[in-house]
Protein backbone atom coordinates (compact mmCIF):
# COMPACT_ATOMS: atom_id res chain seq x y z
CA MET A 1 32.24 32.22 41.41
CA THR A 2 33.92 35.31 42.82
CA ASN A 3 36.97 36.49 41.17
CA ALA A 4 39.08 35.11 44.55
CA LYS A 5 37.52 31.91 43.95
CA LYS A 6 38.46 31.50 40.45
CA ALA A 7 41.51 32.86 40.57
CA LYS A 8 42.06 30.10 43.87
CA THR A 9 40.85 27.20 41.49
CA GLN A 10 42.77 28.57 38.80
CA ALA A 11 45.68 28.58 40.72
CA GLU A 12 45.28 25.20 42.22
CA ALA A 13 45.03 23.70 38.62
CA LYS A 14 48.10 25.29 37.42
CA ARG A 15 49.90 23.87 40.31
CA LYS A 16 48.81 20.51 40.04
CA VAL A 17 50.16 20.27 36.14
CA LYS A 18 53.33 21.66 36.75
CA THR A 19 56.41 20.27 34.83
CA SER A 20 59.89 21.45 36.06
CA GLY A 21 58.02 24.58 37.02
CA LYS A 22 56.75 25.52 33.72
CA VAL A 23 52.77 25.47 33.06
CA PRO A 24 51.73 23.44 30.46
CA GLU A 25 51.04 24.83 26.72
CA LYS A 26 48.46 23.07 25.86
CA TYR A 27 46.51 20.22 27.38
CA PHE A 28 45.50 17.46 25.20
CA VAL A 29 42.70 14.97 26.17
CA VAL A 30 43.63 11.84 24.15
CA ASP A 31 41.67 8.60 22.87
CA THR A 32 43.02 5.39 22.34
CA SER A 33 42.52 5.45 18.62
CA ALA A 34 44.95 8.99 18.73
CA LEU A 35 47.85 7.04 20.94
CA GLU A 36 47.91 3.90 18.81
CA TYR A 37 48.09 5.88 15.64
CA SER A 38 52.09 5.49 15.89
CA MET A 39 54.59 4.45 18.38
CA ASP A 40 55.91 8.55 18.68
CA VAL A 41 52.35 10.26 19.30
CA PHE A 42 52.65 10.40 22.72
CA GLU A 43 55.67 12.15 23.22
CA LYS A 44 54.89 14.55 20.29
CA LEU A 45 52.03 15.62 22.13
CA ARG A 46 53.85 15.58 25.31
CA GLN A 47 56.68 17.51 23.91
CA ASN A 48 59.22 17.09 26.48
CA GLY A 49 56.84 18.28 29.31
CA ARG A 50 55.88 21.37 27.49
CA ASN A 51 52.44 20.36 26.85
CA CYS A 52 50.19 17.93 29.26
CA VAL A 53 48.36 14.92 28.02
CA LEU A 54 45.30 13.98 29.73
CA ILE A 55 44.75 10.56 29.86
CA PRO A 56 40.64 9.39 30.29
CA TYR A 57 40.31 6.43 32.30
CA ALA A 58 37.67 4.81 29.34
CA THR A 59 41.07 5.21 27.46
CA TRP A 60 43.46 3.63 29.21
CA GLU A 61 41.04 0.94 29.74
CA GLU A 62 40.97 0.36 26.15
CA LEU A 63 45.11 0.56 25.81
CA ASP A 64 45.41 -2.11 28.70
CA SER A 65 43.05 -4.45 26.67
CA HIS A 66 45.22 -3.74 23.44
CA LYS A 67 48.54 -4.75 25.11
CA THR A 68 48.83 -8.73 24.64
CA GLY A 69 49.95 -9.73 21.38
CA ASN A 70 52.21 -9.69 18.72
CA ASP A 71 50.84 -7.04 16.62
CA PHE A 72 51.57 -3.14 15.91
CA LYS A 73 48.72 -2.00 18.04
CA ALA A 74 50.45 -4.20 21.24
CA ASP A 75 53.50 -3.00 20.77
CA ILE A 76 52.46 0.85 21.03
CA ALA A 77 49.65 0.09 23.78
CA ARG A 78 52.80 -1.48 26.00
CA SER A 79 54.91 1.66 25.04
CA VAL A 80 52.54 3.91 26.20
CA ILE A 81 51.80 2.13 29.37
CA ARG A 82 55.05 1.64 29.88
CA ASN A 83 56.13 5.47 29.09
CA VAL A 84 53.29 6.63 31.91
CA ARG A 85 54.25 4.61 34.33
CA ASN A 86 58.04 5.78 33.84
CA LEU A 87 56.84 9.53 34.21
CA PHE A 88 54.21 8.83 37.42
CA ARG A 89 57.16 7.26 39.21
CA ALA A 90 59.13 10.41 38.23
CA LYS A 91 56.72 12.29 39.40
CA ASP A 92 56.54 14.48 36.30
CA HIS A 93 52.83 15.86 36.06
CA SER A 94 53.11 16.38 32.01
CA VAL A 95 50.81 13.62 31.94
CA ARG A 96 47.79 12.96 34.39
CA PHE A 97 44.40 10.91 34.52
CA PHE A 98 41.28 12.72 34.08
CA HIS A 99 37.84 11.73 35.08
CA TYR A 100 34.47 12.39 33.42
CA ASP A 101 31.99 14.45 34.43
CA PHE A 102 28.62 13.74 32.77
CA ASN A 103 26.48 16.34 34.79
CA LEU A 104 28.21 18.65 31.81
CA THR A 105 26.53 17.07 29.22
CA HIS A 106 23.25 19.10 30.15
CA ASP A 107 20.51 17.11 28.08
CA ALA A 108 22.21 15.20 25.44
CA ASP A 109 21.42 11.31 25.94
CA LEU A 110 25.20 9.94 27.03
CA LYS A 111 25.77 6.72 28.50
CA ILE A 112 28.39 5.88 31.13
CA ASP A 113 29.19 2.73 29.42
CA LYS A 114 30.30 3.65 26.34
CA ASN A 115 33.78 4.68 26.08
CA ASP A 116 33.37 7.24 23.60
CA HIS A 117 30.66 9.12 25.74
CA CYS A 118 32.86 8.73 28.63
CA ILE A 119 35.66 10.21 26.61
CA ILE A 120 33.45 13.25 25.88
CA ALA A 121 32.30 13.92 29.33
CA THR A 122 36.11 13.84 30.68
CA ALA A 123 36.98 16.25 27.59
CA LEU A 124 34.03 18.96 28.91
CA ASN A 125 35.23 18.42 32.58
CA ALA A 126 38.90 19.39 31.38
CA LYS A 127 37.73 22.36 29.55
CA LYS A 128 35.82 23.00 32.82
CA LYS A 129 38.17 22.75 35.53
CA LEU A 130 41.32 24.15 33.26
CA SER A 131 39.20 26.97 32.00
CA HIS A 132 42.79 28.92 31.87
CA ALA A 133 44.40 27.18 29.60
CA LYS A 134 43.71 25.46 25.96
CA VAL A 135 42.00 22.22 26.03
CA ILE A 136 42.07 19.69 22.75
CA LEU A 137 40.71 16.59 22.09
CA VAL A 138 42.87 14.57 20.41
CA THR A 139 41.51 11.98 18.37
CA GLN A 140 41.34 10.02 14.86
CA ASP A 141 38.04 8.80 14.76
CA ALA A 142 35.63 10.75 12.81
CA ALA A 143 33.10 9.99 14.85
CA LEU A 144 33.89 10.90 17.84
CA GLU A 145 35.16 14.09 16.36
CA THR A 146 31.68 14.46 15.36
CA LEU A 147 30.55 14.57 18.59
CA ALA A 148 33.08 16.59 20.21
CA LEU A 149 32.37 19.25 17.68
CA ASN A 150 28.64 19.10 18.51
CA PHE A 151 29.43 20.11 22.31
CA GLY A 152 32.03 22.87 21.32
CA LEU A 153 34.92 20.99 22.28
CA ASP A 154 38.26 21.89 20.26
CA VAL A 155 39.45 18.98 18.68
CA GLN A 156 42.58 17.64 16.24
CA SER A 157 43.66 14.40 14.86
CA VAL A 158 47.24 13.19 15.01
CA GLN A 159 49.67 16.00 12.90
CA MET A 160 50.32 12.67 10.29
CA ASP A 161 52.64 12.65 7.38
CA GLN A 162 50.85 13.93 4.06
CA THR A 163 51.51 14.42 0.96
CA ASP A 164 49.79 15.65 -2.06
CA VAL A 165 48.67 12.48 -4.06
CA LYS A 166 47.98 14.51 -7.20
CA GLN A 167 51.94 14.03 -7.80
CA HIS A 168 51.57 10.54 -8.49
CA LEU A 169 48.28 10.46 -10.82
CA THR A 170 50.00 13.46 -13.20
CA ALA A 171 50.79 12.13 -16.46
CA ARG A 172 53.77 10.38 -17.48
CA PRO A 173 56.55 12.45 -19.07
CA THR A 174 56.93 12.36 -22.65
CA VAL A 175 60.22 13.48 -24.55
CA ASN A 176 60.93 13.89 -28.30
CA LEU A 177 64.73 12.88 -29.22
CA GLN A 178 66.68 12.68 -32.15
CA ARG A 179 68.38 9.58 -32.90
CA ARG A 180 72.05 10.77 -32.49
CA TRP A 181 71.60 11.46 -28.61
CA VAL A 182 70.77 7.92 -27.96
CA SER A 183 73.50 5.23 -27.66
CA ASP A 184 74.15 2.51 -25.88
CA LYS A 185 70.68 2.35 -24.66
CA SER A 186 71.28 5.09 -22.79
CA PHE A 187 71.19 9.03 -23.29
CA PRO A 188 72.43 11.77 -20.82
CA VAL A 189 70.19 14.17 -19.06
CA SER A 190 72.50 16.94 -20.49
CA LEU A 191 70.64 17.27 -24.17
CA PRO A 192 72.16 20.35 -26.67
CA ASP A 193 68.57 21.03 -26.72
CA ALA A 194 68.39 23.29 -23.48
CA LYS A 195 64.86 23.44 -23.10
CA LEU A 196 64.57 19.71 -23.10
CA ALA A 197 67.25 18.95 -20.80
CA ALA A 198 65.49 21.22 -18.19
CA GLN A 199 62.56 18.88 -18.85
CA LEU A 200 64.81 16.13 -18.22
CA ALA A 201 66.32 17.10 -14.88
CA GLN A 202 63.16 17.69 -13.29
CA VAL A 203 62.22 13.96 -13.67
CA ARG A 204 63.34 11.68 -10.39
CA GLN A 205 65.89 9.14 -10.10
CA ASN A 206 64.19 5.85 -11.28
CA GLU A 207 61.17 7.56 -13.05
CA GLY A 208 60.13 6.16 -16.33
CA ILE A 209 59.44 8.39 -19.06
CA ILE A 210 57.75 8.04 -22.71
CA CYS A 211 60.45 8.81 -25.68
CA TYR A 212 59.72 9.78 -29.43
CA CYS A 213 62.24 9.19 -31.35
CA ASP A 214 63.08 10.52 -35.27
CA VAL A 215 62.48 7.47 -37.24
CA ASP A 216 62.29 8.01 -41.24
CA GLY A 217 61.37 11.60 -40.50
CA VAL A 218 58.25 10.16 -38.50
CA TRP A 219 57.58 11.06 -35.23
CA GLY A 220 56.28 7.92 -32.79
CA PRO A 221 56.63 5.93 -29.80
CA ALA A 222 59.56 4.11 -29.66
CA PHE A 223 60.30 3.41 -25.93
CA ALA A 224 60.30 4.01 -22.44
CA ALA A 225 63.43 5.05 -20.51
CA VAL A 226 64.15 4.97 -16.97
CA ARG A 227 66.59 7.97 -15.16
CA LYS A 228 69.77 6.33 -13.71
CA GLY A 229 72.02 9.11 -12.03
CA ASP A 230 72.98 11.30 -14.77
CA ALA A 231 71.30 9.68 -17.78
CA PHE A 232 68.19 7.67 -18.63
CA ARG A 233 68.63 4.07 -19.57
CA VAL A 234 66.60 2.50 -22.13
CA VAL A 235 64.19 0.02 -21.52
CA ASP A 236 64.45 -3.25 -23.70
CA ARG A 237 61.38 -3.21 -25.84
CA ASP A 238 61.63 -7.23 -25.88
CA ILE A 239 61.53 -6.55 -21.95
CA HIS A 240 59.59 -9.46 -20.38
CA LEU A 241 59.13 -11.54 -16.92
CA LEU A 242 59.13 -15.45 -17.25
CA GLY A 243 58.11 -14.61 -20.79
CA VAL A 244 54.96 -12.82 -20.22
CA ARG A 245 55.65 -9.34 -22.01
CA PRO A 246 53.69 -6.34 -21.23
CA ARG A 247 49.96 -6.57 -21.50
CA SER A 248 46.80 -3.96 -22.93
CA ASN A 249 43.38 -4.41 -23.60
CA ASN A 250 42.71 -1.43 -25.75
CA GLY A 251 46.00 -1.43 -28.12
CA ASP A 252 47.59 1.12 -26.42
CA ILE A 253 51.42 0.53 -25.56
CA ASN A 254 51.24 -0.29 -21.75
CA TRP A 255 54.39 2.04 -20.82
CA GLY A 256 53.53 1.90 -17.37
CA GLN A 257 54.54 -2.10 -17.22
CA PHE A 258 57.32 -1.63 -19.12
CA ILE A 259 58.99 0.96 -16.38
CA ALA A 260 57.58 -1.30 -13.74
CA MET A 261 59.44 -5.03 -15.03
CA ASP A 262 62.61 -2.75 -15.53
CA LEU A 263 62.82 -1.53 -12.02
CA LEU A 264 61.24 -5.21 -10.68
CA ARG A 265 64.46 -6.80 -12.04
CA ASP A 266 67.05 -3.92 -11.33
CA PRO A 267 68.79 -5.20 -8.38
CA ALA A 268 70.38 -1.71 -8.02
CA VAL A 269 66.76 -0.52 -6.54
CA PRO A 270 65.79 -2.56 -3.43
CA LEU A 271 62.59 -0.99 -3.08
CA VAL A 272 59.55 -0.51 -5.55
CA ALA A 273 55.63 0.65 -5.03
CA LEU A 274 53.54 -0.35 -7.74
CA THR A 275 50.45 1.63 -7.51
CA GLY A 276 47.18 1.90 -9.76
CA LYS A 277 43.67 1.18 -9.61
CA ALA A 278 42.25 -2.63 -9.57
CA GLY A 279 43.20 -4.65 -12.78
CA THR A 280 46.42 -2.94 -13.22
CA ALA A 281 48.22 -6.21 -12.62
CA LYS A 282 50.60 -4.94 -9.39
CA THR A 283 50.71 -7.68 -7.61
CA PHE A 284 50.75 -9.76 -10.68
CA LEU A 285 53.99 -8.45 -11.46
CA ALA A 286 55.23 -8.48 -8.78
CA LEU A 287 55.03 -11.78 -8.43
CA LEU A 288 56.24 -12.68 -11.52
CA ALA A 289 59.77 -10.78 -11.27
CA ALA A 290 60.30 -12.38 -7.59
CA PHE A 291 59.44 -16.33 -9.66
CA GLU A 292 61.61 -15.11 -12.53
CA GLN A 293 64.54 -14.16 -9.90
CA SER A 294 63.63 -16.57 -7.14
CA ALA A 295 67.61 -18.02 -8.03
CA ASN A 296 68.62 -14.56 -6.49
CA TYR A 297 67.00 -14.99 -3.47
CA ARG A 298 66.69 -17.63 -0.08
CA GLN A 299 62.86 -17.07 0.00
CA ILE A 300 60.17 -15.14 -1.34
CA LEU A 301 57.84 -13.56 1.36
CA VAL A 302 54.35 -12.40 0.43
CA SER A 303 51.84 -10.54 2.65
CA ARG A 304 48.49 -8.02 2.65
CA ALA A 305 47.88 -5.12 5.58
CA THR A 306 44.85 -7.51 7.29
CA ILE A 307 42.23 -4.44 7.28
CA GLN A 308 38.55 -5.85 6.02
CA LEU A 309 35.98 -3.78 5.41
CA GLY A 310 35.23 -0.75 8.53
CA ASN A 311 38.31 -1.54 9.76
CA LYS A 312 37.63 -4.60 11.45
CA ASP A 313 40.75 -6.95 12.06
CA ARG A 314 39.04 -10.44 12.50
CA LEU A 315 42.37 -12.64 12.36
CA GLY A 316 42.11 -12.84 15.82
CA TYR A 317 38.61 -14.74 15.97
CA SER A 318 39.09 -17.00 12.86
CA PRO A 319 39.63 -20.59 13.51
CA GLY A 320 43.41 -22.32 13.42
CA ASP A 321 47.03 -20.95 13.85
CA ILE A 322 48.05 -18.07 12.21
CA ASP A 323 48.40 -20.10 8.68
CA ALA A 324 44.81 -20.69 8.36
CA LYS A 325 43.76 -17.60 9.41
CA MET A 326 46.03 -15.66 7.23
CA LYS A 327 45.01 -18.38 4.08
CA PRO A 328 41.66 -16.72 3.38
CA TRP A 329 43.03 -13.26 3.41
CA MET A 330 45.45 -14.38 1.08
CA HIS A 331 43.33 -15.94 -1.48
CA PRO A 332 43.89 -12.65 -4.03
CA ILE A 333 47.59 -13.89 -3.55
CA TYR A 334 46.50 -17.52 -4.89
CA ASP A 335 44.85 -16.26 -7.48
CA ASN A 336 47.61 -14.46 -8.88
CA ILE A 337 50.04 -17.14 -8.65
CA ASN A 338 47.02 -19.66 -10.47
CA ALA A 339 47.20 -16.76 -13.01
CA ILE A 340 51.07 -17.08 -13.45
CA ARG A 341 51.19 -20.87 -13.68
CA GLU A 342 48.77 -20.93 -16.45
CA LEU A 343 50.81 -18.81 -18.43
CA VAL A 344 54.42 -20.14 -17.54
CA ALA A 345 56.14 -23.41 -19.11
CA ASP A 346 55.27 -26.80 -17.44
CA ARG A 347 59.06 -26.96 -15.64
CA MET A 348 58.28 -23.36 -14.27
CA LYS A 349 55.15 -24.38 -12.87
CA ASP A 350 56.07 -27.35 -11.27
CA LYS A 351 58.67 -25.43 -9.06
CA ILE A 352 56.44 -22.90 -8.28
CA ASN A 353 54.48 -26.02 -7.00
CA ASP A 354 57.36 -27.09 -4.94
CA TRP A 355 58.28 -23.48 -3.95
CA LEU A 356 54.84 -23.47 -2.25
CA ALA A 357 54.86 -26.55 -0.46
CA ASN A 358 58.43 -26.33 0.88
CA GLY A 359 58.51 -22.84 2.15
CA LYS A 360 60.34 -21.04 -0.59
CA ILE A 361 57.35 -19.14 -0.92
CA GLU A 362 55.84 -17.78 2.44
CA MET A 363 52.57 -16.29 2.89
CA MET A 364 53.29 -14.06 5.78
CA ASP A 365 51.66 -12.12 8.71
CA LEU A 366 52.90 -8.43 8.61
CA ASP A 367 53.26 -8.88 12.52
CA LYS A 368 56.00 -11.65 11.94
CA ILE A 369 58.09 -9.35 10.24
CA ARG A 370 58.53 -6.75 12.88
CA GLY A 371 62.04 -7.40 14.86
CA ARG A 372 63.10 -9.15 11.93
CA SER A 373 66.12 -8.02 9.85
CA ILE A 374 65.02 -10.20 6.33
CA GLN A 375 68.03 -10.94 4.68
CA LYS A 376 68.62 -11.99 0.94
CA CYS A 377 64.78 -12.38 0.30
CA PHE A 378 62.34 -10.89 -2.53
CA VAL A 379 59.52 -9.42 -0.47
CA ILE A 380 55.75 -8.32 -1.19
CA VAL A 381 53.31 -6.47 0.62
CA ASP A 382 50.13 -5.60 -0.79
CA GLU A 383 47.36 -3.46 0.03
CA ILE A 384 49.76 -1.05 2.11
CA GLN A 385 47.72 2.01 1.69
CA ASN A 386 45.59 0.33 4.48
CA LEU A 387 48.41 0.94 6.61
CA PRO A 388 49.63 4.26 8.41
CA PRO A 389 52.93 5.67 7.78
CA SER A 390 54.81 4.42 10.57
CA HIS A 391 54.04 0.90 10.13
CA VAL A 392 55.24 1.15 6.27
CA LYS A 393 58.46 2.30 7.63
CA ALA A 394 58.16 -0.22 10.14
CA ILE A 395 58.15 -2.54 7.56
CA ALA A 396 60.08 -1.15 5.02
CA THR A 397 63.41 -0.86 7.71
CA ARG A 398 63.04 -4.80 8.02
CA GLY A 399 64.84 -5.31 4.39
CA GLY A 400 68.51 -6.74 5.20
CA GLU A 401 71.19 -7.37 2.57
CA GLY A 402 70.06 -8.24 -0.61
CA THR A 403 66.58 -7.83 -0.02
CA LYS A 404 64.08 -6.67 -2.64
CA MET A 405 60.68 -5.19 -0.99
CA VAL A 406 57.68 -4.21 -3.46
CA PHE A 407 54.90 -2.45 -1.78
CA THR A 408 51.79 -2.68 -3.97
CA GLY A 409 48.63 -0.62 -3.44
CA ASP A 410 45.71 2.05 -4.22
CA PHE A 411 45.59 5.27 -2.79
CA SER A 412 42.29 6.20 -4.14
CA TYR A 413 39.70 7.45 -1.61
CA ASP A 414 37.67 4.18 -1.81
CA GLN A 415 40.44 1.63 -1.77
CA ILE A 416 41.02 2.63 1.95
CA ASP A 417 39.54 0.95 4.61
CA VAL A 418 41.07 2.62 7.61
CA PRO A 419 38.80 5.84 8.83
CA TRP A 420 41.91 7.95 10.03
CA LEU A 421 43.85 7.33 6.81
CA ASP A 422 42.98 9.41 3.59
CA GLU A 423 44.60 9.69 -0.16
CA ARG A 424 47.13 12.01 1.23
CA SER A 425 47.96 10.50 5.02
CA ASN A 426 48.23 6.48 3.91
CA GLY A 427 51.53 4.56 4.03
CA LEU A 428 51.60 4.45 0.20
CA SER A 429 51.55 7.93 -0.61
CA VAL A 430 53.92 8.80 2.14
CA LEU A 431 56.17 6.28 1.30
CA ASN A 432 56.49 7.81 -2.65
CA ALA A 433 56.45 11.48 -1.06
CA LYS A 434 59.45 10.91 1.31
CA MET A 435 61.48 8.24 -0.92
CA ALA A 436 61.17 10.15 -4.14
CA GLY A 437 64.45 10.79 -5.60
CA SER A 438 66.37 7.95 -3.50
CA ARG A 439 68.51 5.56 -5.91
CA LEU A 440 67.39 3.25 -3.89
CA PHE A 441 63.48 3.48 -4.73
CA GLY A 442 61.43 3.19 -8.01
CA SER A 443 58.07 3.95 -7.98
CA VAL A 444 55.46 3.24 -10.58
CA TYR A 445 51.79 4.42 -11.47
CA LEU A 446 49.76 1.69 -13.58
CA ASP A 447 47.31 3.39 -15.31
CA GLN A 448 45.90 0.67 -17.67
CA ALA A 449 43.71 -1.85 -16.37
CA ILE A 450 44.40 -5.37 -18.05
CA ARG A 451 41.86 -7.49 -15.77
CA SER A 452 39.24 -7.51 -18.29
CA GLU A 453 37.10 -5.32 -20.45
CA LEU A 454 34.29 -5.05 -18.16
CA THR A 455 36.73 -4.16 -15.30
CA LYS A 456 38.09 -1.38 -17.50
CA GLU A 457 34.39 -0.22 -18.22
CA ILE A 458 33.51 -0.15 -14.28
CA LEU A 459 36.38 1.82 -13.75
CA ASP A 460 35.82 4.22 -16.68
CA ARG A 461 32.16 4.87 -15.79
CA TRP A 462 32.26 4.69 -11.65
């Protein structure tokens, strides 16, 4: 190509994508997993016209196939389609459809009937036609990213909310107190000991610590305490939920359960996150707290993130109505309810049976929470490490007056079943990072497996 022809081609490309007289800074070729990651991805990429979003026809077809339904994915697909339509009506060229060119894949055995291959061929064509500019393929799909890198394409994932998961796994703070500092089941943050006061000042609101106290000249673990404002509230050593006290398999005091029970019973903390590995009683404790405080709430709503292994949401293919579809997925919840019924008095057991029969306890599809303002309910959502931060935010903001929400999950890498989420970017980790320090939020990492001796042994060795 002569220099004159090349200059003419580049000028024509610039003219076609001008927005408000400006040449886009970047060109983003998008796949469906990126656009459907959260509601605001499309506009974040477009940057009000500073960049140009190039939509492969394969991506558009997938969006169109996802637009029906009441789930998050359908909501996002409809939103993107509307936004693109409105931009085309306004003759705003910061979004364009772009076609593929399989001639650019050389000897690679790419298939025209595979969407990922069409997206690769589209990105390569955009890179060729817009050689003057920065062209980036945006995807959350690791397989597509790998294929794109093989063809020398620039690739990035959606710039997700992220946090350092290690902050949640640090040892629970411990302090040595003098007996005279503790009165009326509390002690101040600003203690006479300057070094200790500085340590206590680093503890966030509703975070628990372990306190050692001088008893007859011997230092020993005496109690747990939770920060409330400028003081620490001592957790009652006799704390229980429906008569079930903090439990341990190894003989050590399970301080995490002490702190969890305290936060679950506290009406001033409407949002609680319980994290920890399998068998640490996260869901069990949340259900116990809901049952104990049932008189304070109109309804107990329980749900789980319905992402199965391999990130396949198969509820739509299960037979029956939504309740029938949800029942197999909610088996772990029923297992915990059955375990509770074995531990409580007959009168409470009968109440739980009645609540299940009359709808006081409702097993709820997460999508039913969307668009609602949930008043005076105790809401439990399990496995939220399998939800992106935007979905967790959408659910958490449904809590209305008098509602308490408890989110449970395990942000370990092997418990996250969604390919584009990891220990730092999943909804549970980001929730902890965003809400840490709020007087309305409490988080407890449960570090003792109590399910069985075998479970503990497996977790220790694996």
